[in-house]
Amino acid sequence: MFGISKGQSVDGSAIVVMKPSLWDPSDLSLEEFGQFAITYQAAFIQSQVHGIHAIVDASGITWSQLYAIGPVRGKFIGEFSSTILPVRIRKVHLIHTSRLARFGLRMILPFMNKKVRERVFFHDGNLSDVFRCCPPSAIPVEYGGQATEQCSIGDHLVMIENGRRILEDVWQQVRDDHKSTIEK
């Protein structure tokens, strides 16, 4: 449902590949996925510094998934993705969008802030615009690219651990600076 390319976009951003049709609402609630995303992205420093290009394969979205989202959770997703999620969204490339997927997006897009909404692009069958900012070597073969693998779970755990260490170092520096200010 969620993966990170081993390559980067032209601007140095991480390339995140998502396939929401793989989400089973009876197995993982939207709120649980949100908790995972916040924890993961907070530790994935590259996504905060350089941002991400999200390639979202919207094929295969089902009515049961849209029903699980509904208008209230659609509002949550829109606000979450543009104001809560600790990541710089450079572009969202929506590919293979069916009518059902576009219907679902209408529940989400109005709740995104204007800046993020303007970074959402639909690519129906023609991915040439995606390849302009994301090199084919970093895009999975199934989407016309050349990448045969994404980061593994082990790679993700290393990224999270490295991000945790960086966050701890920054937090320690803030505490030290605060302590020295108080002592003066």
N, C-alpha and C. Protein backbone atom coordinates (compact mmCIF):
# COMPACT_ATOMS: atom_id res chain seq x y z
N MET A 1 0.82 -1.20 0.00
CA MET A 1 0.00 0.00 0.00
C MET A 1 0.86 1.26 0.00
N PHE A 2 2.09 1.16 0.50
CA PHE A 2 2.93 2.33 0.69
C PHE A 2 4.38 1.91 0.54
N GLY A 3 5.12 2.61 -0.29
CA GLY A 3 6.53 2.30 -0.45
C GLY A 3 7.33 3.52 -0.82
N ILE A 4 8.62 3.45 -0.63
CA ILE A 4 9.51 4.56 -0.97
C ILE A 4 10.52 4.05 -1.98
N SER A 5 10.67 4.80 -3.06
CA SER A 5 11.61 4.45 -4.11
C SER A 5 13.03 4.58 -3.58
N LYS A 6 13.93 3.77 -4.13
CA LYS A 6 15.34 3.90 -3.77
C LYS A 6 15.96 5.12 -4.45
N GLY A 7 15.29 5.63 -5.49
CA GLY A 7 15.77 6.80 -6.20
C GLY A 7 15.12 8.07 -5.66
N GLN A 8 15.49 9.19 -6.24
CA GLN A 8 14.93 10.48 -5.84
C GLN A 8 14.39 11.21 -7.06
N SER A 9 13.57 12.22 -6.78
CA SER A 9 13.07 13.06 -7.87
C SER A 9 14.19 13.98 -8.33
N VAL A 10 13.95 14.71 -9.40
CA VAL A 10 14.93 15.63 -9.94
C VAL A 10 15.33 16.69 -8.90
N ASP A 11 14.37 17.12 -8.06
CA ASP A 11 14.67 18.15 -7.04
C ASP A 11 15.19 17.57 -5.72
N GLY A 12 15.50 16.28 -5.68
CA GLY A 12 16.04 15.66 -4.46
C GLY A 12 15.00 15.13 -3.50
N SER A 13 13.73 15.22 -3.86
CA SER A 13 12.66 14.75 -2.99
C SER A 13 12.57 13.23 -3.02
N ALA A 14 12.04 12.68 -1.94
CA ALA A 14 11.76 11.25 -1.91
C ALA A 14 10.57 10.97 -2.81
N ILE A 15 10.53 9.78 -3.37
CA ILE A 15 9.39 9.38 -4.20
C ILE A 15 8.63 8.31 -3.43
N VAL A 16 7.42 8.64 -3.06
CA VAL A 16 6.56 7.73 -2.31
C VAL A 16 5.52 7.18 -3.27
N VAL A 17 5.39 5.86 -3.30
CA VAL A 17 4.42 5.21 -4.18
C VAL A 17 3.31 4.62 -3.30
N MET A 18 2.07 4.99 -3.61
CA MET A 18 0.94 4.50 -2.82
C MET A 18 -0.09 3.83 -3.72
N LYS A 19 -0.69 2.80 -3.19
CA LYS A 19 -1.77 2.10 -3.90
C LYS A 19 -2.90 1.90 -2.89
N PRO A 20 -3.78 2.91 -2.75
CA PRO A 20 -4.84 2.85 -1.74
C PRO A 20 -5.80 1.68 -1.90
N SER A 21 -5.89 1.09 -3.09
CA SER A 21 -6.81 -0.03 -3.27
C SER A 21 -6.39 -1.24 -2.44
N LEU A 22 -5.15 -1.27 -1.97
CA LEU A 22 -4.68 -2.38 -1.13
C LEU A 22 -5.09 -2.22 0.33
N TRP A 23 -5.68 -1.08 0.66
CA TRP A 23 -6.13 -0.83 2.04
C TRP A 23 -7.40 -1.61 2.33
N ASP A 24 -7.39 -2.34 3.44
CA ASP A 24 -8.57 -3.08 3.89
C ASP A 24 -9.09 -2.38 5.14
N PRO A 25 -10.18 -1.61 5.03
CA PRO A 25 -10.70 -0.86 6.17
C PRO A 25 -11.07 -1.73 7.36
N SER A 26 -11.37 -3.01 7.14
CA SER A 26 -11.71 -3.89 8.26
C SER A 26 -10.47 -4.36 9.01
N ASP A 27 -9.31 -4.20 8.39
CA ASP A 27 -8.06 -4.64 9.00
C ASP A 27 -7.27 -3.49 9.63
N LEU A 28 -7.36 -2.32 9.03
CA LEU A 28 -6.60 -1.16 9.50
C LEU A 28 -7.48 0.08 9.38
N SER A 29 -7.77 0.70 10.51
CA SER A 29 -8.63 1.89 10.46
C SER A 29 -7.85 3.05 9.88
N LEU A 30 -8.57 4.01 9.38
CA LEU A 30 -7.96 5.22 8.84
C LEU A 30 -7.17 5.95 9.92
N GLU A 31 -7.70 5.95 11.13
CA GLU A 31 -7.01 6.61 12.25
C GLU A 31 -5.69 5.90 12.57
N GLU A 32 -5.70 4.56 12.53
CA GLU A 32 -4.45 3.81 12.77
C GLU A 32 -3.42 4.10 11.68
N PHE A 33 -3.90 4.18 10.44
CA PHE A 33 -2.98 4.50 9.36
C PHE A 33 -2.41 5.91 9.55
N GLY A 34 -3.25 6.84 10.00
CA GLY A 34 -2.80 8.21 10.27
C GLY A 34 -1.72 8.24 11.34
N GLN A 35 -1.90 7.45 12.39
CA GLN A 35 -0.89 7.39 13.46
C GLN A 35 0.43 6.86 12.91
N PHE A 36 0.35 5.82 12.09
CA PHE A 36 1.56 5.27 11.48
C PHE A 36 2.24 6.33 10.61
N ALA A 37 1.45 7.02 9.78
CA ALA A 37 2.02 8.01 8.85
C ALA A 37 2.72 9.14 9.60
N ILE A 38 2.11 9.62 10.67
CA ILE A 38 2.74 10.70 11.45
C ILE A 38 4.05 10.22 12.06
N THR A 39 4.03 9.05 12.68
CA THR A 39 5.23 8.51 13.32
C THR A 39 6.32 8.28 12.28
N TYR A 40 5.95 7.69 11.17
CA TYR A 40 6.91 7.37 10.13
C TYR A 40 7.50 8.64 9.52
N GLN A 41 6.64 9.57 9.13
CA GLN A 41 7.12 10.78 8.47
C GLN A 41 7.92 11.67 9.42
N ALA A 42 7.57 11.67 10.70
CA ALA A 42 8.34 12.47 11.66
C ALA A 42 9.77 11.97 11.74
N ALA A 43 9.97 10.68 11.57
CA ALA A 43 11.31 10.11 11.64
C ALA A 43 12.02 10.10 10.28
N PHE A 44 11.28 10.31 9.20
CA PHE A 44 11.86 10.28 7.86
C PHE A 44 12.25 11.71 7.49
N ILE A 45 13.42 12.11 7.93
CA ILE A 45 13.89 13.49 7.83
C ILE A 45 13.91 13.99 6.38
N GLN A 46 14.30 13.14 5.43
CA GLN A 46 14.37 13.57 4.03
C GLN A 46 13.05 14.14 3.56
N SER A 47 11.93 13.57 4.01
CA SER A 47 10.61 14.04 3.56
C SER A 47 10.28 15.41 4.12
N GLN A 48 10.91 15.78 5.22
CA GLN A 48 10.67 17.10 5.80
C GLN A 48 11.58 18.14 5.19
N VAL A 49 12.80 17.75 4.86
CA VAL A 49 13.78 18.69 4.32
C VAL A 49 13.56 18.89 2.82
N HIS A 50 13.56 17.80 2.07
CA HIS A 50 13.44 17.90 0.61
C HIS A 50 12.02 17.69 0.10
N GLY A 51 11.18 17.11 0.91
CA GLY A 51 9.80 16.87 0.52
C GLY A 51 9.61 15.54 -0.19
N ILE A 52 8.39 15.34 -0.67
CA ILE A 52 8.07 14.10 -1.38
C ILE A 52 7.31 14.40 -2.67
N HIS A 53 7.46 13.50 -3.59
CA HIS A 53 6.59 13.39 -4.75
C HIS A 53 5.83 12.11 -4.50
N ALA A 54 4.53 12.20 -4.39
CA ALA A 54 3.70 11.02 -4.16
C ALA A 54 3.12 10.57 -5.49
N ILE A 55 3.32 9.31 -5.81
CA ILE A 55 2.69 8.72 -6.98
C ILE A 55 1.60 7.82 -6.42
N VAL A 56 0.35 8.20 -6.68
CA VAL A 56 -0.79 7.49 -6.12
C VAL A 56 -1.52 6.76 -7.24
N ASP A 57 -1.46 5.43 -7.19
CA ASP A 57 -2.17 4.60 -8.16
C ASP A 57 -3.60 4.45 -7.64
N ALA A 58 -4.52 5.16 -8.26
CA ALA A 58 -5.91 5.19 -7.78
C ALA A 58 -6.78 4.12 -8.44
N SER A 59 -6.17 3.16 -9.13
CA SER A 59 -6.96 2.08 -9.73
C SER A 59 -7.43 1.12 -8.64
N GLY A 60 -8.57 0.52 -8.87
CA GLY A 60 -9.05 -0.52 -7.97
C GLY A 60 -9.71 -0.05 -6.69
N ILE A 61 -9.94 1.25 -6.55
CA ILE A 61 -10.62 1.76 -5.36
C ILE A 61 -12.05 1.21 -5.37
N THR A 62 -12.53 0.78 -4.20
CA THR A 62 -13.85 0.15 -4.12
C THR A 62 -14.85 1.01 -3.36
N TRP A 63 -16.12 0.68 -3.53
CA TRP A 63 -17.17 1.37 -2.79
C TRP A 63 -17.00 1.17 -1.29
N SER A 64 -16.56 -0.02 -0.87
CA SER A 64 -16.41 -0.25 0.57
C SER A 64 -15.32 0.65 1.16
N GLN A 65 -14.29 0.94 0.39
CA GLN A 65 -13.25 1.86 0.86
C GLN A 65 -13.80 3.28 0.96
N LEU A 66 -14.56 3.69 -0.05
CA LEU A 66 -15.14 5.04 -0.01
C LEU A 66 -16.15 5.16 1.14
N TYR A 67 -16.92 4.11 1.35
CA TYR A 67 -17.88 4.11 2.45
C TYR A 67 -17.16 4.22 3.80
N ALA A 68 -16.02 3.54 3.93
CA ALA A 68 -15.25 3.59 5.18
C ALA A 68 -14.68 5.00 5.42
N ILE A 69 -14.44 5.72 4.33
CA ILE A 69 -13.93 7.09 4.48
C ILE A 69 -15.09 8.04 4.78
N GLY A 70 -16.06 8.09 3.89
CA GLY A 70 -17.20 8.98 4.08
C GLY A 70 -16.79 10.44 4.13
N PRO A 71 -17.76 11.34 4.24
CA PRO A 71 -17.45 12.77 4.22
C PRO A 71 -16.65 13.25 5.43
N VAL A 72 -16.92 12.70 6.61
CA VAL A 72 -16.21 13.16 7.82
C VAL A 72 -14.74 12.78 7.76
N ARG A 73 -14.47 11.54 7.39
CA ARG A 73 -13.07 11.11 7.28
C ARG A 73 -12.41 11.71 6.05
N GLY A 74 -13.20 12.04 5.02
CA GLY A 74 -12.66 12.75 3.87
C GLY A 74 -12.11 14.10 4.29
N LYS A 75 -12.84 14.76 5.17
CA LYS A 75 -12.37 16.04 5.73
C LYS A 75 -11.08 15.82 6.53
N PHE A 76 -11.06 14.74 7.31
CA PHE A 76 -9.87 14.40 8.09
C PHE A 76 -8.66 14.18 7.17
N ILE A 77 -8.84 13.41 6.10
CA ILE A 77 -7.73 13.12 5.17
C ILE A 77 -7.23 14.41 4.53
N GLY A 78 -8.15 15.27 4.09
CA GLY A 78 -7.76 16.53 3.47
C GLY A 78 -6.96 17.41 4.40
N GLU A 79 -7.45 17.58 5.63
CA GLU A 79 -6.74 18.41 6.61
C GLU A 79 -5.44 17.74 7.05
N PHE A 80 -5.49 16.44 7.24
CA PHE A 80 -4.32 15.68 7.68
C PHE A 80 -3.17 15.82 6.69
N SER A 81 -3.47 15.64 5.41
CA SER A 81 -2.43 15.65 4.39
C SER A 81 -1.86 17.04 4.14
N SER A 82 -2.61 18.08 4.46
CA SER A 82 -2.08 19.41 4.15
C SER A 82 -1.69 20.23 5.38
N THR A 83 -2.07 19.80 6.58
CA THR A 83 -1.70 20.61 7.75
C THR A 83 -1.10 19.81 8.90
N ILE A 84 -1.38 18.52 9.00
CA ILE A 84 -0.93 17.75 10.15
C ILE A 84 0.29 16.89 9.82
N LEU A 85 0.28 16.24 8.69
CA LEU A 85 1.36 15.32 8.32
C LEU A 85 2.68 16.08 8.23
N PRO A 86 3.70 15.62 8.97
CA PRO A 86 4.98 16.34 8.98
C PRO A 86 5.82 16.04 7.73
N VAL A 87 5.37 16.56 6.61
CA VAL A 87 6.07 16.32 5.35
C VAL A 87 5.83 17.50 4.41
N ARG A 88 6.81 17.77 3.57
CA ARG A 88 6.64 18.80 2.54
C ARG A 88 6.18 18.10 1.28
N ILE A 89 4.97 18.37 0.88
CA ILE A 89 4.43 17.75 -0.33
C ILE A 89 4.80 18.62 -1.52
N ARG A 90 5.65 18.07 -2.39
CA ARG A 90 6.06 18.79 -3.60
C ARG A 90 4.99 18.63 -4.69
N LYS A 91 4.62 17.36 -4.94
CA LYS A 91 3.58 17.08 -5.93
C LYS A 91 2.93 15.75 -5.58
N VAL A 92 1.66 15.66 -5.93
CA VAL A 92 0.93 14.40 -5.83
C VAL A 92 0.50 14.05 -7.24
N HIS A 93 1.00 12.93 -7.73
CA HIS A 93 0.69 12.48 -9.08
C HIS A 93 -0.35 11.37 -8.96
N LEU A 94 -1.56 11.64 -9.37
CA LEU A 94 -2.63 10.64 -9.34
C LEU A 94 -2.68 9.95 -10.69
N ILE A 95 -2.50 8.63 -10.67
CA ILE A 95 -2.53 7.88 -11.92
C ILE A 95 -3.62 6.83 -11.86
N HIS A 96 -4.10 6.45 -13.02
CA HIS A 96 -5.14 5.42 -13.15
C HIS A 96 -6.38 5.76 -12.31
N THR A 97 -6.86 6.96 -12.45
CA THR A 97 -8.03 7.39 -11.66
C THR A 97 -9.32 7.03 -12.38
N SER A 98 -10.08 6.18 -11.74
CA SER A 98 -11.39 5.81 -12.27
C SER A 98 -12.42 6.86 -11.84
N ARG A 99 -13.63 6.74 -12.35
CA ARG A 99 -14.70 7.65 -11.90
C ARG A 99 -14.92 7.53 -10.40
N LEU A 100 -14.87 6.32 -9.90
CA LEU A 100 -15.07 6.09 -8.47
C LEU A 100 -13.97 6.78 -7.65
N ALA A 101 -12.74 6.68 -8.12
CA ALA A 101 -11.63 7.34 -7.42
C ALA A 101 -11.80 8.86 -7.46
N ARG A 102 -12.21 9.40 -8.59
CA ARG A 102 -12.44 10.85 -8.68
C ARG A 102 -13.57 11.29 -7.75
N PHE A 103 -14.59 10.46 -7.65
CA PHE A 103 -15.69 10.74 -6.72
C PHE A 103 -15.15 10.81 -5.29
N GLY A 104 -14.32 9.85 -4.93
CA GLY A 104 -13.72 9.84 -3.59
C GLY A 104 -12.84 11.05 -3.35
N LEU A 105 -12.10 11.45 -4.36
CA LEU A 105 -11.22 12.62 -4.22
C LEU A 105 -12.02 13.90 -4.00
N ARG A 106 -13.24 13.95 -4.52
CA ARG A 106 -14.09 15.12 -4.30
C ARG A 106 -14.45 15.28 -2.82
N MET A 107 -14.34 14.19 -2.06
CA MET A 107 -14.60 14.28 -0.61
C MET A 107 -13.38 14.79 0.14
N ILE A 108 -12.23 14.76 -0.49
CA ILE A 108 -10.98 15.10 0.19
C ILE A 108 -10.42 16.45 -0.25
N LEU A 109 -10.35 16.69 -1.56
CA LEU A 109 -9.68 17.88 -2.09
C LEU A 109 -10.19 19.20 -1.51
N PRO A 110 -11.50 19.40 -1.30
CA PRO A 110 -11.94 20.70 -0.77
C PRO A 110 -11.37 21.02 0.62
N PHE A 111 -10.94 20.00 1.35
CA PHE A 111 -10.45 20.22 2.70
C PHE A 111 -8.93 20.38 2.78
N MET A 112 -8.26 20.24 1.65
CA MET A 112 -6.82 20.48 1.61
C MET A 112 -6.60 21.98 1.48
N ASN A 113 -5.50 22.45 2.03
CA ASN A 113 -5.23 23.87 1.84
C ASN A 113 -4.89 24.11 0.37
N LYS A 114 -5.04 25.34 -0.06
CA LYS A 114 -4.90 25.70 -1.47
C LYS A 114 -3.52 25.31 -2.02
N LYS A 115 -2.48 25.51 -1.23
CA LYS A 115 -1.12 25.23 -1.67
C LYS A 115 -0.96 23.75 -2.04
N VAL A 116 -1.48 22.86 -1.22
CA VAL A 116 -1.38 21.42 -1.51
C VAL A 116 -2.30 21.05 -2.65
N ARG A 117 -3.53 21.59 -2.65
CA ARG A 117 -4.49 21.30 -3.72
C ARG A 117 -3.90 21.62 -5.10
N GLU A 118 -3.14 22.71 -5.17
CA GLU A 118 -2.53 23.12 -6.44
C GLU A 118 -1.38 22.21 -6.86
N ARG A 119 -0.95 21.33 -5.96
CA ARG A 119 0.14 20.40 -6.26
C ARG A 119 -0.36 19.00 -6.59
N VAL A 120 -1.66 18.86 -6.74
CA VAL A 120 -2.26 17.58 -7.09
C VAL A 120 -2.50 17.56 -8.60
N PHE A 121 -1.95 16.54 -9.27
CA PHE A 121 -2.05 16.45 -10.72
C PHE A 121 -2.59 15.09 -11.13
N PHE A 122 -3.48 15.10 -12.12
CA PHE A 122 -4.05 13.87 -12.65
C PHE A 122 -3.30 13.49 -13.92
N HIS A 123 -2.89 12.25 -14.02
CA HIS A 123 -2.16 11.75 -15.18
C HIS A 123 -2.90 10.51 -15.68
N ASP A 124 -3.86 10.70 -16.52
CA ASP A 124 -4.65 9.57 -17.04
C ASP A 124 -3.92 8.91 -18.21
N GLY A 125 -3.15 7.91 -17.93
CA GLY A 125 -2.49 7.15 -18.98
C GLY A 125 -1.20 7.74 -19.50
N ASN A 126 -1.04 9.05 -19.50
CA ASN A 126 0.18 9.68 -20.00
C ASN A 126 1.04 10.10 -18.80
N LEU A 127 2.13 9.39 -18.58
CA LEU A 127 2.98 9.67 -17.42
C LEU A 127 4.20 10.51 -17.78
N SER A 128 4.21 11.12 -18.96
CA SER A 128 5.38 11.90 -19.38
C SER A 128 5.66 13.05 -18.40
N ASP A 129 4.62 13.67 -17.85
CA ASP A 129 4.84 14.74 -16.87
C ASP A 129 5.45 14.21 -15.58
N VAL A 130 5.08 12.99 -15.20
CA VAL A 130 5.66 12.37 -14.00
C VAL A 130 7.15 12.13 -14.23
N PHE A 131 7.51 11.64 -15.43
CA PHE A 131 8.90 11.35 -15.73
C PHE A 131 9.77 12.60 -15.83
N ARG A 132 9.16 13.76 -16.01
CA ARG A 132 9.93 15.01 -16.04
C ARG A 132 10.49 15.35 -14.66
N CYS A 133 9.76 15.01 -13.60
CA CYS A 133 10.25 15.32 -12.25
C CYS A 133 10.70 14.09 -11.48
N CYS A 134 10.33 12.91 -11.93
CA CYS A 134 10.74 11.67 -11.28
C CYS A 134 11.37 10.78 -12.34
N PRO A 135 12.67 10.56 -12.28
CA PRO A 135 13.33 9.80 -13.35
C PRO A 135 12.79 8.37 -13.44
N PRO A 136 12.70 7.83 -14.65
CA PRO A 136 12.21 6.46 -14.83
C PRO A 136 12.96 5.44 -13.96
N SER A 137 14.24 5.68 -13.69
CA SER A 137 15.02 4.74 -12.88
C SER A 137 14.50 4.64 -11.45
N ALA A 138 13.70 5.62 -11.01
CA ALA A 138 13.17 5.62 -9.64
C ALA A 138 11.70 5.22 -9.57
N ILE A 139 11.08 4.99 -10.72
CA ILE A 139 9.66 4.66 -10.76
C ILE A 139 9.50 3.17 -11.05
N PRO A 140 8.63 2.50 -10.30
CA PRO A 140 8.45 1.05 -10.51
C PRO A 140 8.09 0.69 -11.95
N VAL A 141 8.55 -0.47 -12.37
CA VAL A 141 8.31 -0.99 -13.71
C VAL A 141 6.82 -1.02 -14.02
N GLU A 142 5.98 -1.36 -13.03
CA GLU A 142 4.54 -1.47 -13.29
C GLU A 142 3.91 -0.14 -13.71
N TYR A 143 4.64 0.98 -13.51
CA TYR A 143 4.14 2.29 -13.91
C TYR A 143 4.95 2.87 -15.07
N GLY A 144 5.68 2.02 -15.77
CA GLY A 144 6.44 2.45 -16.94
C GLY A 144 7.85 2.89 -16.63
N GLY A 145 8.28 2.76 -15.38
CA GLY A 145 9.64 3.11 -15.01
C GLY A 145 10.58 1.92 -15.13
N GLN A 146 11.72 2.03 -14.48
CA GLN A 146 12.74 0.98 -14.56
C GLN A 146 13.08 0.36 -13.21
N ALA A 147 12.54 0.92 -12.11
CA ALA A 147 12.89 0.42 -10.77
C ALA A 147 12.23 -0.94 -10.54
N THR A 148 13.03 -1.90 -10.15
CA THR A 148 12.51 -3.24 -9.91
C THR A 148 12.26 -3.51 -8.43
N GLU A 149 12.75 -2.61 -7.57
CA GLU A 149 12.48 -2.78 -6.13
C GLU A 149 12.44 -1.43 -5.43
N GLN A 150 11.72 -1.42 -4.33
CA GLN A 150 11.64 -0.22 -3.48
C GLN A 150 12.42 -0.50 -2.22
N CYS A 151 12.48 0.48 -1.34
CA CYS A 151 13.15 0.27 -0.06
C CYS A 151 12.47 -0.88 0.68
N SER A 152 13.27 -1.71 1.33
CA SER A 152 12.74 -2.83 2.10
C SER A 152 12.30 -2.37 3.48
N ILE A 153 11.65 -3.25 4.20
CA ILE A 153 11.27 -2.95 5.59
C ILE A 153 12.52 -2.61 6.40
N GLY A 154 13.59 -3.36 6.18
CA GLY A 154 14.86 -3.08 6.88
C GLY A 154 15.37 -1.68 6.56
N ASP A 155 15.29 -1.29 5.27
CA ASP A 155 15.70 0.06 4.88
C ASP A 155 14.86 1.11 5.61
N HIS A 156 13.54 0.85 5.69
CA HIS A 156 12.64 1.78 6.38
C HIS A 156 13.01 1.89 7.86
N LEU A 157 13.31 0.76 8.49
CA LEU A 157 13.66 0.78 9.91
C LEU A 157 14.95 1.57 10.14
N VAL A 158 15.92 1.43 9.24
CA VAL A 158 17.16 2.19 9.35
C VAL A 158 16.86 3.69 9.21
N MET A 159 15.99 4.07 8.23
CA MET A 159 15.62 5.48 8.05
C MET A 159 14.95 6.02 9.32
N ILE A 160 14.05 5.23 9.88
CA ILE A 160 13.35 5.67 11.09
C ILE A 160 14.33 5.84 12.25
N GLU A 161 15.23 4.89 12.42
CA GLU A 161 16.21 4.98 13.51
C GLU A 161 17.13 6.18 13.32
N ASN A 162 17.61 6.40 12.09
CA ASN A 162 18.45 7.58 11.83
C ASN A 162 17.69 8.86 12.10
N GLY A 163 16.43 8.91 11.68
CA GLY A 163 15.61 10.09 11.93
C GLY A 163 15.38 10.30 13.42
N ARG A 164 15.17 9.21 14.15
CA ARG A 164 14.97 9.31 15.60
C ARG A 164 16.21 9.91 16.26
N ARG A 165 17.39 9.45 15.83
CA ARG A 165 18.63 9.98 16.41
C ARG A 165 18.78 11.47 16.12
N ILE A 166 18.48 11.86 14.88
CA ILE A 166 18.58 13.28 14.53
C ILE A 166 17.61 14.10 15.37
N LEU A 167 16.36 13.63 15.50
CA LEU A 167 15.38 14.35 16.32
C LEU A 167 15.82 14.45 17.77
N GLU A 168 16.39 13.37 18.31
CA GLU A 168 16.89 13.40 19.68
C GLU A 168 18.02 14.40 19.83
N ASP A 169 18.94 14.46 18.85
CA ASP A 169 20.04 15.42 18.90
C ASP A 169 19.52 16.86 18.85
N VAL A 170 18.56 17.11 17.98
CA VAL A 170 17.97 18.45 17.89
C VAL A 170 17.28 18.81 19.20
N TRP A 171 16.52 17.89 19.74
CA TRP A 171 15.81 18.13 21.00
C TRP A 171 16.80 18.39 22.13
N GLN A 172 17.90 17.64 22.18
CA GLN A 172 18.91 17.85 23.22
C GLN A 172 19.53 19.24 23.07
N GLN A 173 19.78 19.67 21.84
CA GLN A 173 20.34 21.00 21.60
C GLN A 173 19.38 22.08 22.07
N VAL A 174 18.09 21.91 21.79
CA VAL A 174 17.08 22.87 22.24
C VAL A 174 17.06 22.92 23.76
N ARG A 175 17.10 21.76 24.41
CA ARG A 175 17.10 21.73 25.88
C ARG A 175 18.35 22.39 26.44
N ASP A 176 19.52 22.11 25.85
CA ASP A 176 20.77 22.73 26.30
C ASP A 176 20.73 24.24 26.13
N ASP A 177 20.23 24.71 24.98
CA ASP A 177 20.13 26.15 24.74
C ASP A 177 19.17 26.79 25.75
N HIS A 178 18.08 26.13 26.01
CA HIS A 178 17.09 26.64 26.96
C HIS A 178 17.70 26.71 28.36
N LYS A 179 18.41 25.66 28.75
CA LYS A 179 19.04 25.61 30.06
C LYS A 179 20.09 26.70 30.22
N SER A 180 20.92 26.93 29.19
CA SER A 180 21.94 27.97 29.27
C SER A 180 21.31 29.37 29.32
N THR A 181 20.17 29.55 28.65
CA THR A 181 19.46 30.83 28.70
C THR A 181 18.93 31.09 30.10
N ILE A 182 18.40 30.09 30.73
CA ILE A 182 17.85 30.23 32.09
C ILE A 182 18.96 30.51 33.09
N GLU A 183 20.12 29.87 32.93
CA GLU A 183 21.22 30.06 33.87
C GLU A 183 21.85 31.43 33.77
N LYS A 184 21.67 32.10 32.65
CA LYS A 184 22.26 33.44 32.48
C LYS A 184 21.46 34.39 33.27
